C-alpha atoms as a PDB file:
ATOM      1  CA  UNK A   1      71.909  99.528 -64.581  1.00  0.00           C
ATOM      2  CA  UNK A   2      73.391 103.114 -64.046  1.00  0.00           C
ATOM      3  CA  UNK A   3      76.071 104.255 -66.899  1.00  0.00           C
ATOM      4  CA  UNK A   4      79.460 105.461 -64.793  1.00  0.00           C
ATOM      5  CA  UNK A   5      79.435 109.091 -65.279  1.00  0.00           C
ATOM      6  CA  UNK A   6      82.979 110.792 -65.511  1.00  0.00           C
ATOM      7  CA  UNK A   7      83.488 113.447 -63.190  1.00  0.00           C
ATOM      8  CA  UNK A   8      84.868 116.935 -64.414  1.00  0.00           C
ATOM      9  CA  UNK A   9      86.642 119.737 -62.802  1.00  0.00           C
ATOM     10  CA  UNK A  10      83.863 122.400 -63.567  1.00  0.00           C
ATOM     11  CA  UNK A  11      80.769 119.792 -62.098  1.00  0.00           C
ATOM     12  CA  UNK A  12      82.606 119.026 -58.902  1.00  0.00           C
ATOM     13  CA  UNK A  13      83.259 122.928 -58.495  1.00  0.00           C
ATOM     14  CA  UNK A  14      79.637 123.337 -59.263  1.00  0.00           C
ATOM     15  CA  UNK A  15      78.277 120.619 -56.933  1.00  0.00           C
ATOM     16  CA  UNK A  16      80.554 121.684 -54.599  1.00  0.00           C
ATOM     17  CA  UNK A  17      79.287 125.001 -54.463  1.00  0.00           C
ATOM     18  CA  UNK A  18      75.679 123.818 -54.249  1.00  0.00           C
ATOM     19  CA  UNK A  19      76.439 121.789 -51.010  1.00  0.00           C
ATOM     20  CA  UNK A  20      78.423 125.094 -49.641  1.00  0.00           C
ATOM     21  CA  UNK A  21      74.858 127.037 -49.971  1.00  0.00           C
ATOM     22  CA  UNK A  22      72.557 124.268 -48.827  1.00  0.00           C
ATOM     23  CA  UNK A  23      74.829 124.102 -45.634  1.00  0.00           C
ATOM     24  CA  UNK A  24      74.469 127.765 -45.157  1.00  0.00           C
ATOM     25  CA  UNK A  25      70.931 127.825 -46.213  1.00  0.00           C
ATOM     26  CA  UNK A  26      69.366 125.463 -44.276  1.00  0.00           C
ATOM     27  CA  UNK A  27      71.981 126.027 -41.078  1.00  0.00           C
ATOM     28  CA  UNK A  28      72.985 122.576 -41.349  1.00  0.00           C
ATOM     29  CA  UNK A  29      76.143 121.336 -39.328  1.00  0.00           C
ATOM     30  CA  UNK A  30      77.053 119.109 -42.216  1.00  0.00           C
ATOM     31  CA  UNK A  31      76.185 118.320 -45.860  1.00  0.00           C
ATOM     32  CA  UNK A  32      77.270 115.148 -48.043  1.00  0.00           C
ATOM     33  CA  UNK A  33      77.311 114.244 -51.789  1.00  0.00           C
ATOM     34  CA  UNK A  34      77.742 110.623 -52.071  1.00  0.00           C
ATOM     35  CA  UNK A  35      77.384 108.056 -54.741  1.00  0.00           C
ATOM     36  CA  UNK A  36      75.369 104.719 -54.694  1.00  0.00           C
ATOM     37  CA  UNK A  37      78.982 102.661 -54.147  1.00  0.00           C
ATOM     38  CA  UNK A  38      79.376 104.877 -50.722  1.00  0.00           C
ATOM     39  CA  UNK A  39      81.979 107.340 -52.430  1.00  0.00           C
ATOM     40  CA  UNK A  40      82.048 110.347 -50.957  1.00  0.00           C
ATOM     41  CA  UNK A  41      81.852 113.244 -53.723  1.00  0.00           C
ATOM     42  CA  UNK A  42      81.699 116.695 -52.198  1.00  0.00           C
ATOM     43  CA  UNK A  43      81.626 117.870 -48.474  1.00  0.00           C
ATOM     44  CA  UNK A  44      80.319 121.006 -46.728  1.00  0.00           C
ATOM     45  CA  UNK A  45      80.506 121.614 -42.974  1.00  0.00           C
ATOM     46  CA  UNK A  46      81.386 120.489 -39.770  1.00  0.00           C
ATOM     47  CA  UNK A  47      83.346 117.602 -41.503  1.00  0.00           C
ATOM     48  CA  UNK A  48      86.460 117.362 -39.489  1.00  0.00           C
ATOM     49  CA  UNK A  49      85.108 115.528 -36.423  1.00  0.00           C
ATOM     50  CA  UNK A  50      83.431 113.024 -38.820  1.00  0.00           C
ATOM     51  CA  UNK A  51      84.155 109.506 -40.636  1.00  0.00           C
ATOM     52  CA  UNK A  52      83.203 110.725 -43.682  1.00  0.00           C
ATOM     53  CA  UNK A  53      84.525 107.462 -45.319  1.00  0.00           C
ATOM     54  CA  UNK A  54      82.520 105.565 -43.226  1.00  0.00           C
ATOM     55  CA  UNK A  55      79.197 107.974 -42.949  1.00  0.00           C
ATOM     56  CA  UNK A  56      79.552 107.847 -46.503  1.00  0.00           C
ATOM     57  CA  UNK A  57      79.498 103.572 -47.046  1.00  0.00           C
ATOM     58  CA  UNK A  58      77.272 102.998 -44.351  1.00  0.00           C
ATOM     59  CA  UNK A  59      74.493 105.895 -45.786  1.00  0.00           C
ATOM     60  CA  UNK A  60      74.701 103.954 -48.895  1.00  0.00           C
ATOM     61  CA  UNK A  61      73.808 100.676 -47.795  1.00  0.00           C
ATOM     62  CA  UNK A  62      71.059 102.198 -45.966  1.00  0.00           C
ATOM     63  CA  UNK A  63      69.741 103.652 -48.933  1.00  0.00           C
ATOM     64  CA  UNK A  64      70.333  99.873 -50.803  1.00  0.00           C
ATOM     65  CA  UNK A  65      68.237  98.318 -47.518  1.00  0.00           C
ATOM     66  CA  UNK A  66      66.083 100.649 -47.625  1.00  0.00           C
ATOM     67  CA  UNK A  67      65.697 100.429 -51.451  1.00  0.00           C
ATOM     68  CA  UNK A  68      64.774  96.481 -50.830  1.00  0.00           C
ATOM     69  CA  UNK A  69      62.047  97.286 -48.376  1.00  0.00           C
ATOM     70  CA  UNK A  70      60.265  99.805 -51.268  1.00  0.00           C
ATOM     71  CA  UNK A  71      60.515  96.408 -53.644  1.00  0.00           C
ATOM     72  CA  UNK A  72      58.190  94.628 -51.220  1.00  0.00           C
ATOM     73  CA  UNK A  73      55.406  97.009 -50.963  1.00  0.00           C
ATOM     74  CA  UNK A  74      55.716  97.345 -54.777  1.00  0.00           C
ATOM     75  CA  UNK A  75      57.114 100.822 -54.358  1.00  0.00           C
ATOM     76  CA  UNK A  76      59.585 102.496 -57.130  1.00  0.00           C
ATOM     77  CA  UNK A  77      62.014 103.713 -54.501  1.00  0.00           C
ATOM     78  CA  UNK A  78      61.369 105.473 -51.211  1.00  0.00           C
ATOM     79  CA  UNK A  79      63.579 109.245 -52.274  1.00  0.00           C
ATOM     80  CA  UNK A  80      63.679 110.724 -48.350  1.00  0.00           C
ATOM     81  CA  UNK A  81      64.839 109.286 -45.247  1.00  0.00           C
ATOM     82  CA  UNK A  82      65.096 111.070 -42.097  1.00  0.00           C
ATOM     83  CA  UNK A  83      66.793 109.792 -38.763  1.00  0.00           C
ATOM     84  CA  UNK A  84      66.525 111.889 -35.698  1.00  0.00           C
ATOM     85  CA  UNK A  85      68.735 111.341 -33.075  1.00  0.00           C
ATOM     86  CA  UNK A  86      69.153 112.915 -29.580  1.00  0.00           C
ATOM     87  CA  UNK A  87      72.361 115.454 -31.297  1.00  0.00           C
ATOM     88  CA  UNK A  88      71.820 115.135 -34.722  1.00  0.00           C
ATOM     89  CA  UNK A  89      69.304 114.594 -37.360  1.00  0.00           C
ATOM     90  CA  UNK A  90      70.116 112.913 -40.646  1.00  0.00           C
ATOM     91  CA  UNK A  91      68.151 113.853 -44.107  1.00  0.00           C
ATOM     92  CA  UNK A  92      68.698 111.506 -47.286  1.00  0.00           C
ATOM     93  CA  UNK A  93      67.329 112.095 -50.197  1.00  0.00           C
ATOM     94  CA  UNK A  94      68.189 110.191 -53.798  1.00  0.00           C
ATOM     95  CA  UNK A  95      69.320 113.072 -56.501  1.00  0.00           C
ATOM     96  CA  UNK A  96      68.253 112.003 -59.966  1.00  0.00           C
ATOM     97  CA  UNK A  97      68.124 107.902 -58.859  1.00  0.00           C
ATOM     98  CA  UNK A  98      72.195 108.480 -59.484  1.00  0.00           C
ATOM     99  CA  UNK A  99      73.702 110.037 -56.294  1.00  0.00           C
ATOM    100  CA  UNK A 100      72.971 110.820 -52.314  1.00  0.00           C
ATOM    101  CA  UNK A 101      72.126 114.152 -50.396  1.00  0.00           C
ATOM    102  CA  UNK A 102      72.653 114.171 -46.857  1.00  0.00           C
ATOM    103  CA  UNK A 103      72.139 116.554 -44.444  1.00  0.00           C
ATOM    104  CA  UNK A 104      73.245 116.243 -40.903  1.00  0.00           C
ATOM    105  CA  UNK A 105      71.610 119.123 -38.543  1.00  0.00           C
ATOM    106  CA  UNK A 106      70.828 119.815 -35.052  1.00  0.00           C
ATOM    107  CA  UNK A 107      68.858 121.963 -33.161  1.00  0.00           C
ATOM    108  CA  UNK A 108      69.916 124.994 -35.558  1.00  0.00           C
ATOM    109  CA  UNK A 109      67.584 123.576 -38.180  1.00  0.00           C
ATOM    110  CA  UNK A 110      64.729 122.403 -38.588  1.00  0.00           C
ATOM    111  CA  UNK A 111      63.462 119.492 -40.783  1.00  0.00           C
ATOM    112  CA  UNK A 112      61.112 122.016 -42.609  1.00  0.00           C
ATOM    113  CA  UNK A 113      64.214 124.141 -43.532  1.00  0.00           C
ATOM    114  CA  UNK A 114      66.236 121.203 -44.214  1.00  0.00           C
ATOM    115  CA  UNK A 115      63.092 119.909 -46.949  1.00  0.00           C
ATOM    116  CA  UNK A 116      62.748 123.325 -48.213  1.00  0.00           C
ATOM    117  CA  UNK A 117      66.619 123.657 -48.843  1.00  0.00           C
ATOM    118  CA  UNK A 118      66.980 120.200 -49.799  1.00  0.00           C
ATOM    119  CA  UNK A 119      64.323 120.455 -52.988  1.00  0.00           C
ATOM    120  CA  UNK A 120      65.973 123.219 -54.325  1.00  0.00           C
ATOM    121  CA  UNK A 121      69.426 121.872 -53.944  1.00  0.00           C
ATOM    122  CA  UNK A 122      68.480 118.387 -55.153  1.00  0.00           C
ATOM    123  CA  UNK A 123      67.290 119.981 -58.713  1.00  0.00           C
ATOM    124  CA  UNK A 124      70.515 121.977 -59.111  1.00  0.00           C
ATOM    125  CA  UNK A 125      72.024 118.809 -58.653  1.00  0.00           C
ATOM    126  CA  UNK A 126      70.150 117.186 -60.873  1.00  0.00           C
ATOM    127  CA  UNK A 127      71.632 119.860 -63.846  1.00  0.00           C
ATOM    128  CA  UNK A 128      74.321 119.044 -62.995  1.00  0.00           C
ATOM    129  CA  UNK A 129      74.527 115.475 -63.049  1.00  0.00           C
ATOM    130  CA  UNK A 130      72.753 116.138 -66.376  1.00  0.00           C
ATOM    131  CA  UNK A 131      75.615 118.266 -67.938  1.00  0.00           C
ATOM    132  CA  UNK A 132      77.696 115.086 -66.686  1.00  0.00           C
ATOM    133  CA  UNK A 133      75.391 112.194 -68.455  1.00  0.00           C
ATOM    134  CA  UNK A 134      75.851 114.550 -71.283  1.00  0.00           C
ATOM    135  CA  UNK A 135      79.309 114.591 -71.633  1.00  0.00           C
ATOM    136  CA  UNK A 136      79.945 111.511 -70.731  1.00  0.00           C
ATOM    137  CA  UNK A 137      77.969 110.044 -73.303  1.00  0.00           C
ATOM    138  CA  UNK A 138      80.000 113.097 -76.129  1.00  0.00           C
ATOM    139  CA  UNK A 139      83.090 112.362 -74.983  1.00  0.00           C
ATOM    140  CA  UNK A 140      82.952 116.180 -74.671  1.00  0.00           C
ATOM    141  CA  UNK A 141      85.187 118.310 -72.096  1.00  0.00           C
ATOM    142  CA  UNK A 142      88.930 117.275 -70.753  1.00  0.00           C
ATOM    143  CA  UNK A 143      89.909 113.392 -70.975  1.00  0.00           C
ATOM    144  CA  UNK A 144      89.793 111.827 -67.759  1.00  0.00           C
ATOM    145  CA  UNK A 145      93.777 111.593 -66.277  1.00  0.00           C
ATOM    146  CA  UNK A 146      92.252 108.008 -66.112  1.00  0.00           C
ATOM    147  CA  UNK A 147      92.060 107.675 -70.271  1.00  0.00           C
ATOM    148  CA  UNK A 148      95.569 107.698 -70.889  1.00  0.00           C
ATOM    149  CA  UNK A 149      96.330 104.994 -68.381  1.00  0.00           C
ATOM    150  CA  UNK A 150      96.191 101.552 -69.654  1.00  0.00           C
ATOM    151  CA  UNK A 151      96.641  97.658 -68.645  1.00  0.00           C
ATOM    152  CA  UNK A 152     100.301  97.031 -69.083  1.00  0.00           C
ATOM    153  CA  UNK A 153     100.732 100.439 -67.659  1.00  0.00           C
ATOM    154  CA  UNK A 154      99.011  99.190 -64.251  1.00  0.00           C
ATOM    155  CA  UNK A 155     100.545  95.816 -64.846  1.00  0.00           C
ATOM    156  CA  UNK A 156     103.608  97.391 -64.907  1.00  0.00           C
ATOM    157  CA  UNK A 157     103.017  99.285 -61.740  1.00  0.00           C
ATOM    158  CA  UNK A 158     102.387  96.338 -59.770  1.00  0.00           C
ATOM    159  CA  UNK A 159     105.398  94.401 -61.092  1.00  0.00           C
ATOM    160  CA  UNK A 160     109.349  94.756 -59.944  1.00  0.00           C
END
């Protein structure tokens, strides 16, 4: 089971920066980082016309289904996937067994360039995730705003 991570502002800023650089350097349409539950963590590029919530959820489901195929074939997991469309191609990578990196690109880029740039970005993301794991385990960094909320506070919120 994967430990729940606490997202600190410093690491979120770094993840957003990695997305922006990957978007620019791969000449992609858009870049997303999502968790394995399908929640968008960060995004860069032309995401205004995308349903990021649905895309994130469906991508996580796709990764989970592909994980089932991997098990059937006695593989640990398939770390990467590529889907080729008429207008848009999708490159999906699992990073540090924790998050999913999605790159949407078209004819302005190539699979080779995307793979090259994703490799570097994935290493950088893995380093940021390692720092987050260490901070979460040690309790260092700024406490989460949710750490102050008690079960009684939640119950009171939903009572008239």
